[in-house]
Amino acid sequence: MVPRAWTLAWGIMSDQTFADELPASVAARYNLPLLRDSAPAPTPTRERAQARRAVEETIEALRALLDSSGPLP
């Protein structure tokens, strides 16, 4: 669920920790009682490999952009 992902990302960026239990109204609306899943969703090996390659290519492209722009201020 995207709102949970953004909440967790915001917590990391703003150095905050959020309780795992969602407010009752949110939990009822999305049928999800917790902010974090108790176990990762099963991902087929092929999809996992494709995702890993995409992430590695993105990291490589970002590194190339950073290297070409010179030192950071």
Protein backbone atom coordinates (compact mmCIF):
# COMPACT_ATOMS: atom_id res chain seq x y z
CA MET A 1 0.00 0.00 0.00
CA VAL A 2 1.54 3.27 -1.15
CA PRO A 3 0.52 5.38 1.89
CA ARG A 4 2.39 3.00 4.20
CA ALA A 5 5.49 3.18 2.01
CA TRP A 6 5.42 6.99 1.95
CA THR A 7 4.87 7.13 5.71
CA LEU A 8 7.91 4.93 6.31
CA ALA A 9 9.99 6.91 3.79
CA TRP A 10 8.96 10.18 5.45
CA GLY A 11 9.93 8.77 8.83
CA ILE A 12 13.41 7.95 7.56
CA MET A 13 13.87 11.34 5.88
CA SER A 14 12.61 13.29 8.89
CA ASP A 15 14.32 11.10 11.50
CA GLN A 16 11.01 10.01 13.05
CA THR A 17 9.75 6.66 14.24
CA PHE A 18 6.09 5.77 13.86
CA ALA A 19 4.10 3.25 15.87
CA ASP A 20 3.45 0.04 14.01
CA GLU A 21 -0.27 -0.03 14.86
CA LEU A 22 -2.34 2.02 12.42
CA PRO A 23 -5.24 4.18 13.61
CA ALA A 24 -8.47 2.15 13.69
CA SER A 25 -10.08 4.15 10.86
CA VAL A 26 -7.10 3.57 8.55
CA ALA A 27 -6.80 -0.09 9.50
CA ALA A 28 -10.50 -0.63 8.75
CA ARG A 29 -10.42 1.27 5.46
CA TYR A 30 -7.48 -0.68 4.04
CA ASN A 31 -7.94 -3.91 6.01
CA LEU A 32 -4.35 -3.56 7.25
CA PRO A 33 -3.79 -3.30 11.00
CA LEU A 34 -0.04 -2.54 10.90
CA LEU A 35 2.26 0.00 9.28
CA ARG A 36 4.86 -2.68 8.59
CA ASP A 37 4.23 -6.12 7.15
CA SER A 38 5.23 -9.01 9.38
CA ALA A 39 6.88 -10.87 6.47
CA PRO A 40 7.98 -9.87 3.00
CA ALA A 41 5.58 -10.60 0.18
CA PRO A 42 6.60 -13.65 -1.81
CA THR A 43 8.39 -12.59 -5.00
CA PRO A 44 9.12 -15.03 -7.81
CA THR A 45 12.84 -15.54 -8.43
CA ARG A 46 12.62 -14.18 -11.98
CA GLU A 47 10.92 -10.96 -10.87
CA ARG A 48 13.42 -10.53 -8.05
CA ALA A 49 16.32 -10.90 -10.51
CA GLN A 50 14.74 -8.37 -12.89
CA ALA A 51 14.21 -5.90 -10.06
CA ARG A 52 17.79 -6.32 -8.85
CA ARG A 53 19.13 -5.67 -12.36
CA ALA A 54 16.96 -2.55 -12.68
CA VAL A 55 18.20 -1.24 -9.33
CA GLU A 56 21.83 -1.95 -10.20
CA GLU A 57 21.43 -0.17 -13.57
CA THR A 58 19.84 2.83 -11.85
CA ILE A 59 22.63 3.03 -9.29
CA GLU A 60 25.22 2.79 -12.06
CA ALA A 61 23.51 5.60 -14.00
CA LEU A 62 23.33 7.80 -10.89
CA ARG A 63 27.01 7.21 -10.15
CA ALA A 64 27.89 8.15 -13.72
CA LEU A 65 25.87 11.37 -13.41
CA LEU A 66 27.55 12.25 -10.13
CA ASP A 67 31.01 11.47 -11.50
CA SER A 68 30.42 13.62 -14.59
CA SER A 69 29.18 16.61 -12.61
CA GLY A 70 32.40 17.00 -10.66
CA PRO A 71 32.84 17.27 -6.91
CA LEU A 72 29.88 18.16 -4.75
CA PRO A 73 30.02 21.50 -2.92
